[in-house]
Amino acid sequence: MAFEEPATAAVHALLKNMAGRRVLVIGDGMLDCYIYGASSRISPEAPVQIVQAERSEELLGGAANAAKCLVALGANVSLCCIIGEDAEGERFLAQARSLRMDTSLVRRDPNRPTATKTRIVCGRQHILRVDREARSAGRTPPGFPPAIQAAAQEVDAILLSDYNKGILDETVCAAAIAGAKGRPVLVDPKGDRWERYRGATVVKPNWREALSFLKAHGHTADDKPAADAQSEAAAGQLRRDLRAGNILLSRAEHGVSLACADGATLSFRARAEKVEDEAGAGDTLGAATCLALAAGAPFRTAAWLGNIAAGAKVAKFGTLTVSSHDILSALGEQFAKSERKCMTAGQAAQFAAALRSAGKKVVFTNGCFDILHIGHRTLLQEARQLGDALIVGINTDASVKRLKGPQRPINSEADRAGLLSAMEFVDAVVLFNEDTPLELLKAIKPDVLCKGGDYRGKEEVVGWEVVESCGGKVALINLVEGRSTTKTIEKARGEKR
């Protein structure tokens, strides 16, 4: 079946409409841990490599990675999963909250560990993975399905991210689908009991998962992804067997095949110009498709956009997520560098995490920046010299009015963000509506927090405890004498002090 790609204006409108949509992610949350190092010799104790650890990081994984992909695209995410009452669980929650996820449906189970996958990496080569997780599914917590059903009624879409760890049992799936009441439900399946997904809007298996299901139900299929026609036939068979609304069959470098609710089938070829790392492409495909459905896009259009997003993801190495700018760039649109710098709090947190994972130092400063002057420029330029990237937090218009009075700001938040983004030594700009940047600091976790030298000590700087608790430091930079926004405004009005 032919598909006409949306015009550029329509894609822009869809991406804008996706931002702010509420998505409930239910599934198996876990921590992905990475130990990076170098290896130049074999152990004398056994024929294995010795890896000299250089740095490490912990990232949200499993269903939480799908949630992270949604945050990067501008969604408001509620995360529902079960973790242990352990240190790993605490760190899991801290990361989820730092990305502004609602974690009220995350349950703690003292009888199971937080699922953790630890990878040892030399260069870009994975040497070893060690898994720590419960070997058998625990009981569904009391009241869990009713809470999920109630939460499903308050969102625009639901994503069920199944890693076969037992959380997405029949009761939980039924509660989510019933609570959706016709809202989009996208399932990323695992295991062999797919009947629990019946009633979902979209079931999104990869080829290996689809092959296993088809063979278990007496059908034949090629072990490797076949040509489009055969893949579309397999997707159609899956839809009939599952009595699902739509099937989105992921075929890795071959693209995706669709079996639609109206009986039509079609395929989209992969859109990746280069392949750096395929990890996370499936989560990106599901997240973008789900969020597009939440914004009211037809299934074909949503799947097409998800395929574009997955292509943009494989062009990035590691755990980096995809933004709306990445999707538009993959479609051939070019942007001024400054346009990419304006981020949400969640996107800024992920930007900072990606920098740290690459061994880079993140610097943060904040202010109203109402009328830019040489003092601002000096502060920002010197702050940037303290690290590898500078993130600037800006008070929104509402926040400035509360702090400075009803006559401020002089310049709108959009103008202030645009001017700062145009500065070559500013790497990211993020607006915050609170009176202080405390919540933003918890999300970004900068290595250096910079403020002007009018502070008498670090203890006067909001958030210094947060920064130091993460191993960072506070730096006070001397101000340019006689330069301030207040004095500039007074001079323009002919006022004297």
Protein backbone atom coordinates (compact mmCIF):
# COMPACT_ATOMS: atom_id res chain seq x y z
CA MET A 1 0.00 0.00 0.00
CA ALA A 2 1.34 3.45 -0.93
CA PHE A 3 2.08 5.97 1.80
CA GLU A 4 2.48 9.69 1.20
CA GLU A 5 5.01 11.18 3.58
CA PRO A 6 3.74 14.22 5.50
CA ALA A 7 4.84 17.66 4.36
CA THR A 8 7.45 19.46 6.45
CA ALA A 9 4.85 21.79 7.97
CA ALA A 10 2.74 18.81 9.02
CA VAL A 11 5.75 17.12 10.69
CA HIS A 12 6.53 20.33 12.57
CA ALA A 13 2.92 20.57 13.73
CA LEU A 14 2.90 16.94 14.87
CA LEU A 15 6.15 17.27 16.83
CA LYS A 16 4.85 20.44 18.48
CA ASN A 17 1.62 18.67 19.38
CA MET A 18 3.56 15.74 20.85
CA ALA A 19 5.33 17.98 23.38
CA GLY A 20 3.60 17.98 26.75
CA ARG A 21 1.48 14.90 26.11
CA ARG A 22 1.09 12.63 29.12
CA VAL A 23 2.27 9.04 28.75
CA LEU A 24 2.10 6.25 31.31
CA VAL A 25 4.98 3.78 30.96
CA ILE A 26 4.46 0.42 32.65
CA GLY A 27 7.03 -2.35 32.65
CA ASP A 28 10.30 -3.73 33.91
CA GLY A 29 12.52 -0.92 35.13
CA MET A 30 16.23 -1.52 35.63
CA LEU A 31 19.59 0.16 35.94
CA ASP A 32 22.10 -0.08 33.10
CA CYS A 33 25.60 0.24 34.55
CA TYR A 34 28.70 0.81 32.43
CA ILE A 35 32.34 0.49 33.44
CA TYR A 36 34.61 2.02 30.79
CA GLY A 37 38.30 1.30 30.60
CA ALA A 38 41.26 0.11 28.60
CA SER A 39 42.83 -3.31 28.25
CA SER A 40 46.38 -4.08 27.19
CA ARG A 41 47.19 -7.42 28.82
CA ILE A 42 45.85 -10.82 29.83
CA SER A 43 45.41 -11.81 33.45
CA PRO A 44 48.06 -14.22 34.84
CA GLU A 45 45.27 -15.85 36.89
CA ALA A 46 43.06 -16.89 33.95
CA PRO A 47 42.94 -16.37 30.17
CA VAL A 48 40.86 -13.19 30.43
CA GLN A 49 41.52 -9.53 29.73
CA ILE A 50 42.48 -7.16 32.51
CA VAL A 51 40.44 -3.97 32.20
CA GLN A 52 41.79 -0.85 33.86
CA ALA A 53 38.59 0.98 34.87
CA GLU A 54 38.65 4.68 33.98
CA ARG A 55 35.08 5.79 34.64
CA SER A 56 31.62 4.42 35.24
CA GLU A 57 28.02 5.50 34.95
CA GLU A 58 24.52 4.29 35.76
CA LEU A 59 21.57 4.94 33.45
CA LEU A 60 17.89 4.13 33.46
CA GLY A 61 17.25 0.92 31.56
CA GLY A 62 14.45 -1.39 30.50
CA ALA A 63 11.06 0.28 30.61
CA ALA A 64 12.72 3.32 32.17
CA ASN A 65 14.83 3.76 29.04
CA ALA A 66 11.64 3.91 26.97
CA ALA A 67 10.40 6.53 29.43
CA LYS A 68 13.66 8.42 28.98
CA CYS A 69 13.13 8.41 25.20
CA LEU A 70 9.68 9.92 25.71
CA VAL A 71 11.10 12.65 27.95
CA ALA A 72 13.62 13.56 25.24
CA LEU A 73 10.72 14.09 22.83
CA GLY A 74 8.97 16.41 25.27
CA ALA A 75 6.46 14.06 26.93
CA ASN A 76 5.32 14.25 30.53
CA VAL A 77 5.96 10.72 31.77
CA SER A 78 4.55 8.70 34.63
CA LEU A 79 6.64 5.60 35.32
CA CYS A 80 5.15 2.43 36.79
CA CYS A 81 7.46 -0.45 37.74
CA ILE A 82 8.73 -2.50 40.67
CA ILE A 83 12.24 -2.08 42.09
CA GLY A 84 14.01 -3.33 45.17
CA GLU A 85 14.44 -1.66 48.54
CA ASP A 86 18.16 -1.35 47.95
CA ALA A 87 20.77 1.25 47.08
CA GLU A 88 20.29 0.57 43.37
CA GLY A 89 16.59 1.30 43.78
CA GLU A 90 17.37 4.62 45.44
CA ARG A 91 19.64 5.59 42.57
CA PHE A 92 17.00 4.45 40.06
CA LEU A 93 14.41 6.72 41.68
CA ALA A 94 16.83 9.64 41.87
CA GLN A 95 17.54 9.41 38.15
CA ALA A 96 13.87 9.10 37.20
CA ARG A 97 12.94 12.10 39.32
CA SER A 98 15.84 14.12 37.95
CA LEU A 99 14.21 13.72 34.52
CA ARG A 100 10.94 15.04 35.97
CA MET A 101 9.19 11.68 35.74
CA ASP A 102 6.25 11.02 38.03
CA THR A 103 7.35 8.04 40.16
CA SER A 104 4.26 7.73 42.36
CA LEU A 105 3.50 4.33 40.76
CA VAL A 106 7.00 2.91 41.31
CA ARG A 107 6.71 0.22 43.97
CA ARG A 108 9.51 -1.04 46.25
CA ASP A 109 9.72 -4.78 46.95
CA PRO A 110 12.07 -5.89 49.79
CA ASN A 111 12.09 -9.43 48.43
CA ARG A 112 13.65 -8.66 45.07
CA PRO A 113 16.73 -6.72 43.97
CA THR A 114 16.52 -3.81 41.59
CA ALA A 115 17.30 -5.36 38.21
CA THR A 116 20.82 -4.23 37.26
CA LYS A 117 22.87 -4.97 34.16
CA THR A 118 26.55 -4.11 34.44
CA ARG A 119 28.62 -3.90 31.26
CA ILE A 120 32.40 -3.65 30.99
CA VAL A 121 33.38 -1.71 27.88
CA CYS A 122 36.80 -1.15 26.27
CA GLY A 123 36.62 1.51 23.60
CA ARG A 124 33.35 0.56 21.90
CA GLN A 125 33.72 -3.15 22.54
CA HIS A 126 31.58 -4.79 25.20
CA ILE A 127 33.77 -7.27 27.09
CA LEU A 128 31.31 -8.66 29.62
CA ARG A 129 27.81 -8.16 31.03
CA VAL A 130 26.81 -9.16 34.57
CA ASP A 131 23.08 -9.30 35.43
CA ARG A 132 21.61 -9.01 38.90
CA GLU A 133 17.88 -9.64 39.04
CA ALA A 134 15.16 -11.84 40.52
CA ARG A 135 15.08 -15.25 38.83
CA SER A 136 11.33 -15.64 39.26
CA ALA A 137 8.48 -13.18 39.17
CA GLY A 138 7.19 -11.96 42.49
CA ARG A 139 3.59 -11.36 43.35
CA THR A 140 1.82 -8.32 41.97
CA PRO A 141 1.65 -5.81 44.86
CA PRO A 142 -1.80 -5.46 46.45
CA GLY A 143 -3.80 -2.68 44.83
CA PHE A 144 -1.38 -2.43 41.91
CA PRO A 145 -3.84 -3.18 39.04
CA PRO A 146 -6.55 -0.80 40.32
CA ALA A 147 -3.97 1.97 40.72
CA ILE A 148 -2.77 1.36 37.16
CA GLN A 149 -6.32 1.39 35.79
CA ALA A 150 -7.00 4.70 37.52
CA ALA A 151 -3.75 6.23 36.28
CA ALA A 152 -4.44 5.06 32.71
CA GLN A 153 -7.55 7.23 32.67
CA GLU A 154 -5.50 10.39 33.30
CA VAL A 155 -3.01 10.17 30.41
CA ASP A 156 -2.99 10.55 26.63
CA ALA A 157 -1.32 7.19 25.87
CA ILE A 158 0.16 4.12 27.53
CA LEU A 159 3.34 2.23 26.70
CA LEU A 160 3.74 -1.33 28.03
CA SER A 161 7.44 -2.17 27.99
CA ASP A 162 7.81 -5.88 28.69
CA TYR A 163 11.20 -7.41 29.50
CA ASN A 164 9.67 -10.67 30.69
CA LYS A 165 10.49 -10.08 34.36
CA GLY A 166 6.93 -10.75 35.50
CA ILE A 167 5.56 -7.27 36.10
CA LEU A 168 3.33 -7.18 33.02
CA ASP A 169 1.14 -10.13 33.97
CA GLU A 170 -2.45 -10.62 32.84
CA THR A 171 -3.92 -8.48 35.63
CA VAL A 172 -1.63 -5.51 35.02
CA CYS A 173 -2.06 -5.58 31.21
CA ALA A 174 -5.82 -5.91 31.54
CA ALA A 175 -5.96 -3.01 33.99
CA ALA A 176 -3.90 -0.75 31.73
CA ILE A 177 -5.88 -1.56 28.58
CA ALA A 178 -9.23 -1.25 30.36
CA GLY A 179 -8.23 2.04 31.94
CA ALA A 180 -7.15 3.44 28.58
CA LYS A 181 -10.76 3.41 27.36
CA GLY A 182 -9.76 3.76 23.74
CA ARG A 183 -6.67 5.87 24.27
CA PRO A 184 -3.59 4.53 22.46
CA VAL A 185 -1.83 1.58 24.10
CA LEU A 186 1.46 0.45 22.53
CA VAL A 187 3.06 -2.81 23.65
CA ASP A 188 6.71 -3.79 23.30
CA PRO A 189 6.27 -7.55 23.89
CA LYS A 190 8.39 -10.31 25.35
CA GLY A 191 7.84 -13.94 26.28
CA ASP A 192 5.25 -16.20 24.67
CA ARG A 193 1.98 -15.24 26.38
CA TRP A 194 0.91 -12.48 24.07
CA GLU A 195 -2.78 -13.06 24.63
CA ARG A 196 -2.47 -10.71 27.62
CA TYR A 197 -1.92 -7.85 25.15
CA ARG A 198 -5.29 -8.24 23.45
CA GLY A 199 -7.11 -4.95 23.16
CA ALA A 200 -3.90 -2.95 22.69
CA THR A 201 -3.75 -0.39 19.89
CA VAL A 202 -0.31 -1.45 18.68
CA VAL A 203 1.88 -4.49 19.37
CA LYS A 204 5.50 -3.83 18.39
CA PRO A 205 7.63 -7.00 18.26
CA ASN A 206 11.04 -7.28 16.63
CA TRP A 207 11.61 -9.98 14.03
CA ARG A 208 13.07 -12.51 16.47
CA GLU A 209 10.13 -12.13 18.85
CA ALA A 210 7.62 -12.34 16.02
CA LEU A 211 9.33 -15.44 14.60
CA SER A 212 9.16 -17.18 17.96
CA PHE A 213 5.46 -16.41 18.35
CA LEU A 214 4.59 -17.50 14.81
CA LYS A 215 6.46 -20.80 15.10
CA ALA A 216 4.84 -21.50 18.45
CA HIS A 217 1.45 -21.10 16.76
CA GLY A 218 2.18 -23.43 13.86
CA HIS A 219 3.27 -20.91 11.24
CA THR A 220 6.47 -20.88 9.21
CA ALA A 221 8.74 -17.89 8.74
CA ASP A 222 12.31 -17.16 7.68
CA ASP A 223 14.85 -16.94 10.45
CA LYS A 224 16.13 -13.66 9.03
CA PRO A 225 13.92 -10.67 8.15
CA ALA A 226 12.46 -11.42 4.73
CA ALA A 227 11.51 -9.14 1.86
CA ASP A 228 8.79 -6.56 2.47
CA ALA A 229 5.96 -8.70 1.12
CA GLN A 230 6.83 -11.68 3.35
CA SER A 231 7.34 -9.44 6.37
CA GLU A 232 4.01 -7.75 5.78
CA ALA A 233 2.37 -11.17 5.54
CA ALA A 234 3.96 -12.14 8.86
CA ALA A 235 2.71 -8.92 10.44
CA GLY A 236 -0.77 -9.61 9.11
CA GLN A 237 -0.70 -13.13 10.56
CA LEU A 238 0.36 -11.74 13.93
CA ARG A 239 -2.53 -9.27 13.90
CA ARG A 240 -5.04 -12.02 13.15
CA ASP A 241 -3.66 -14.40 15.77
CA LEU A 242 -3.51 -11.72 18.45
CA ARG A 243 -6.70 -9.97 17.40
CA ALA A 244 -4.67 -6.79 17.89
CA GLY A 245 -5.50 -3.39 16.48
CA ASN A 246 -2.20 -2.89 14.63
CA ILE A 247 1.18 -4.60 14.34
CA LEU A 248 4.42 -2.67 14.05
CA LEU A 249 7.09 -5.24 13.15
CA SER A 250 10.63 -3.97 13.68
CA ARG A 251 13.20 -5.42 11.24
CA ALA A 252 16.37 -3.62 12.38
CA GLU A 253 18.37 -2.37 9.37
CA HIS A 254 15.56 -3.49 7.04
CA GLY A 255 13.07 -1.02 8.50
CA VAL A 256 9.56 -1.80 9.75
CA SER A 257 6.47 -3.58 8.43
CA LEU A 258 2.92 -2.66 9.39
CA ALA A 259 -0.33 -4.58 9.56
CA CYS A 260 -3.09 -2.03 10.09
CA ALA A 261 -6.49 -2.34 11.72
CA ASP A 262 -8.21 -1.87 8.35
CA GLY A 263 -6.37 -4.91 6.94
CA ALA A 264 -3.81 -2.96 4.92
CA THR A 265 -0.10 -3.76 5.10
CA LEU A 266 2.96 -1.69 4.16
CA SER A 267 6.64 -1.29 4.95
CA PHE A 268 9.02 1.59 5.61
CA ARG A 269 12.67 1.15 4.80
CA ALA A 270 15.26 2.10 7.42
CA ARG A 271 16.28 5.76 7.22
CA ALA A 272 19.70 5.65 8.90
CA GLU A 273 22.51 7.32 6.96
CA LYS A 274 25.06 5.66 9.24
CA VAL A 275 24.94 3.07 11.99
CA GLU A 276 26.97 3.77 15.12
CA ASP A 277 25.01 1.78 17.69
CA GLU A 278 21.72 -0.10 17.35
CA ALA A 279 21.14 -0.29 21.12
CA GLY A 280 18.02 1.60 22.12
CA ALA A 281 16.60 1.85 18.60
CA GLY A 282 13.60 -0.29 19.55
CA ASP A 283 12.76 1.88 22.55
CA THR A 284 13.07 4.98 20.38
CA LEU A 285 10.78 3.48 17.73
CA GLY A 286 8.16 2.61 20.33
CA ALA A 287 8.40 5.90 22.21
CA ALA A 288 8.10 8.11 19.13
CA THR A 289 5.25 6.03 17.71
CA CYS A 290 3.38 6.04 21.01
CA LEU A 291 3.80 9.78 21.52
CA ALA A 292 2.67 10.53 17.97
CA LEU A 293 -0.45 8.43 18.61
CA ALA A 294 -1.00 10.39 21.83
CA ALA A 295 -0.95 13.55 19.74
CA GLY A 296 -3.69 12.19 17.48
CA ALA A 297 -1.61 11.00 14.52
CA PRO A 298 -2.97 8.10 12.44
CA PHE A 299 -1.15 4.82 12.99
CA ARG A 300 0.64 4.90 9.62
CA THR A 301 1.97 8.40 10.24
CA ALA A 302 2.97 7.57 13.82
CA ALA A 303 4.86 4.45 12.70
CA TRP A 304 6.54 6.38 9.90
CA LEU A 305 7.74 9.00 12.41
CA GLY A 306 8.90 6.26 14.79
CA ASN A 307 10.95 4.70 11.98
CA ILE A 308 12.61 8.08 11.30
CA ALA A 309 13.38 8.47 15.01
CA ALA A 310 14.91 4.98 15.19
CA GLY A 311 17.15 5.84 12.23
CA ALA A 312 18.29 8.98 14.03
CA LYS A 313 19.06 6.92 17.13
CA VAL A 314 21.32 4.36 15.46
CA ALA A 315 23.43 7.23 14.14
CA LYS A 316 24.39 7.95 17.77
CA PHE A 317 26.71 5.80 19.86
CA GLY A 318 25.68 4.73 23.32
CA THR A 319 22.64 5.73 25.34
CA LEU A 320 21.92 9.09 23.72
CA THR A 321 18.27 9.77 23.06
CA VAL A 322 16.56 11.46 20.10
CA SER A 323 14.96 14.92 20.10
CA SER A 324 12.53 16.53 17.69
CA HIS A 325 15.49 18.37 16.14
CA ASP A 326 17.17 15.02 15.46
CA ILE A 327 14.04 13.77 13.69
CA LEU A 328 13.79 16.87 11.52
CA SER A 329 17.52 16.69 10.75
CA ALA A 330 17.07 13.07 9.66
CA LEU A 331 14.43 14.36 7.24
CA GLY A 332 16.96 16.74 5.73
CA GLU A 333 16.12 19.94 7.58
CA GLN A 334 19.02 22.11 8.67
CA PHE A 335 19.10 24.21 11.82
CA ALA A 336 21.19 26.99 13.18
CA LYS A 337 23.23 25.65 16.06
CA SER A 338 21.47 28.04 18.44
CA GLU A 339 18.07 26.47 17.69
CA ARG A 340 19.26 23.14 19.08
CA LYS A 341 20.43 24.71 22.33
CA CYS A 342 16.98 25.47 23.83
CA MET A 343 15.97 22.44 25.91
CA THR A 344 13.42 21.28 28.43
CA ALA A 345 14.61 20.35 31.90
CA GLY A 346 14.48 16.66 31.01
CA GLN A 347 16.41 17.20 27.80
CA ALA A 348 19.03 19.28 29.60
CA ALA A 349 19.43 16.51 32.19
CA GLN A 350 19.99 13.95 29.44
CA PHE A 351 22.39 16.30 27.64
CA ALA A 352 24.42 16.61 30.84
CA ALA A 353 24.35 12.87 31.45
CA ALA A 354 25.62 12.19 27.91
CA LEU A 355 28.47 14.65 28.42
CA ARG A 356 29.47 13.04 31.70
CA SER A 357 29.36 9.58 30.14
CA ALA A 358 31.88 10.86 27.60
CA GLY A 359 34.14 12.09 30.41
CA LYS A 360 33.22 15.76 29.91
CA LYS A 361 32.77 18.38 32.64
CA VAL A 362 29.40 20.20 32.83
CA VAL A 363 29.16 23.80 34.07
CA PHE A 364 25.89 25.45 35.11
CA THR A 365 24.83 28.99 35.90
CA ASN A 366 21.49 30.72 36.11
CA GLY A 367 19.75 34.07 36.23
CA CYS A 368 17.05 36.26 34.71
CA PHE A 369 19.34 37.68 31.98
CA ASP A 370 16.68 40.30 31.26
CA ILE A 371 18.85 42.85 29.46
CA LEU A 372 22.16 41.36 28.41
CA HIS A 373 25.25 43.46 29.12
CA ILE A 374 29.02 43.02 29.25
CA GLY A 375 28.82 41.70 32.81
CA HIS A 376 26.65 38.80 31.64
CA ARG A 377 28.98 38.07 28.77
CA THR A 378 32.02 38.04 31.04
CA LEU A 379 30.35 35.75 33.57
CA LEU A 380 29.23 33.28 30.90
CA GLN A 381 32.53 33.29 29.05
CA GLU A 382 34.55 32.67 32.21
CA ALA A 383 32.10 30.01 33.38
CA ARG A 384 32.49 28.13 30.09
CA GLN A 385 36.25 28.03 30.57
CA LEU A 386 35.75 25.94 33.73
CA GLY A 387 34.47 22.91 31.82
CA ASP A 388 33.57 21.36 28.49
CA ALA A 389 29.97 22.59 28.23
CA LEU A 390 27.92 25.40 29.79
CA ILE A 391 24.22 25.01 30.56
CA VAL A 392 22.38 28.22 31.43
CA GLY A 393 19.14 28.22 33.42
CA ILE A 394 16.79 31.15 32.80
CA ASN A 395 13.86 32.23 34.95
CA THR A 396 10.58 32.21 33.01
CA ASP A 397 8.58 35.42 32.65
CA ALA A 398 6.28 34.35 35.51
CA SER A 399 9.27 33.62 37.74
CA VAL A 400 10.89 36.99 36.95
CA LYS A 401 7.66 38.84 37.80
CA ARG A 402 7.54 37.16 41.19
CA LEU A 403 11.17 38.03 41.88
CA LYS A 404 11.49 41.48 40.30
CA GLY A 405 7.97 42.89 40.25
CA PRO A 406 5.15 43.32 37.69
CA GLN A 407 7.17 45.60 35.39
CA ARG A 408 9.73 42.88 34.67
CA PRO A 409 10.97 41.25 32.57
CA ILE A 410 11.70 43.81 29.89
CA ASN A 411 12.44 41.03 27.38
CA SER A 412 10.35 37.88 27.03
CA GLU A 413 11.65 34.46 28.00
CA ALA A 414 11.75 33.47 24.31
CA ASP A 415 13.89 36.50 23.43
CA ARG A 416 16.18 35.99 26.41
CA ALA A 417 16.66 32.30 25.59
CA GLY A 418 17.28 33.10 21.93
CA LEU A 419 19.94 35.70 22.68
CA LEU A 420 21.80 33.42 25.09
CA SER A 421 21.59 30.50 22.65
CA ALA A 422 23.32 32.61 20.02
CA MET A 423 26.43 32.95 22.20
CA GLU A 424 29.13 30.55 21.07
CA PHE A 425 30.24 29.74 24.62
CA VAL A 426 26.72 28.73 25.73
CA ASP A 427 25.96 25.08 24.96
CA ALA A 428 22.39 24.73 26.27
CA VAL A 429 19.63 26.97 27.61
CA VAL A 430 16.76 25.76 29.78
CA LEU A 431 13.85 27.72 31.28
CA PHE A 432 12.67 27.08 34.84
CA ASN A 433 9.46 28.38 36.37
CA GLU A 434 10.42 28.05 40.02
CA ASP A 435 11.90 30.94 41.99
CA THR A 436 15.21 29.10 42.32
CA PRO A 437 17.03 26.57 40.11
CA LEU A 438 17.15 23.94 42.88
CA GLU A 439 15.05 21.33 41.03
CA LEU A 440 16.98 21.99 37.84
CA LEU A 441 20.27 21.43 39.64
CA LYS A 442 18.97 18.11 40.96
CA ALA A 443 18.20 17.11 37.38
CA ILE A 444 21.40 18.32 35.70
CA LYS A 445 23.92 17.52 38.48
CA PRO A 446 26.62 19.88 37.16
CA ASP A 447 30.27 19.41 37.91
CA VAL A 448 30.62 23.16 38.46
CA LEU A 449 27.97 25.65 39.63
CA CYS A 450 28.98 29.21 38.77
CA LYS A 451 27.62 32.43 40.22
CA GLY A 452 28.77 36.02 40.38
CA GLY A 453 31.26 37.23 42.94
CA ASP A 454 28.64 39.29 44.81
CA TYR A 455 27.99 36.15 46.85
CA ARG A 456 30.13 36.11 49.98
CA GLY A 457 30.54 32.34 49.98
CA LYS A 458 29.23 29.13 48.49
CA GLU A 459 26.73 28.71 51.33
CA GLU A 460 24.74 31.66 49.92
CA VAL A 461 24.38 29.96 46.54
CA VAL A 462 21.12 28.04 46.09
CA GLY A 463 21.81 24.37 45.45
CA TRP A 464 25.43 24.22 46.55
CA GLU A 465 24.67 21.18 48.72
CA VAL A 466 23.11 19.36 45.75
CA VAL A 467 26.14 20.01 43.57
CA GLU A 468 28.69 19.00 46.18
CA SER A 469 26.75 15.85 47.09
CA CYS A 470 27.21 14.75 43.45
CA GLY A 471 30.95 15.44 43.55
CA GLY A 472 30.78 18.93 42.02
CA LYS A 473 31.94 22.32 43.25
CA VAL A 474 30.84 25.97 43.39
CA ALA A 475 32.83 28.68 41.60
CA LEU A 476 32.33 32.42 42.21
CA ILE A 477 33.33 34.68 39.33
CA ASN A 478 34.18 38.36 39.77
CA LEU A 479 31.57 40.75 38.39
CA VAL A 480 32.24 43.63 36.03
CA GLU A 481 32.06 46.76 38.17
CA GLY A 482 29.01 48.97 37.60
CA ARG A 483 27.22 46.66 35.20
CA SER A 484 23.77 45.29 36.02
CA THR A 485 20.34 45.01 34.43
CA THR A 486 18.81 47.19 37.15
CA LYS A 487 21.29 50.01 36.51
CA THR A 488 20.73 49.72 32.76
CA ILE A 489 16.96 50.08 33.23
CA GLU A 490 17.39 53.03 35.61
CA LYS A 491 19.66 54.77 33.12
CA ALA A 492 17.18 54.22 30.29
CA ARG A 493 14.40 55.73 32.42
CA GLY A 494 16.57 58.63 33.54
CA GLU A 495 16.46 57.49 37.16
CA LYS A 496 19.21 58.07 39.71
CA ARG A 497 20.13 56.11 42.79
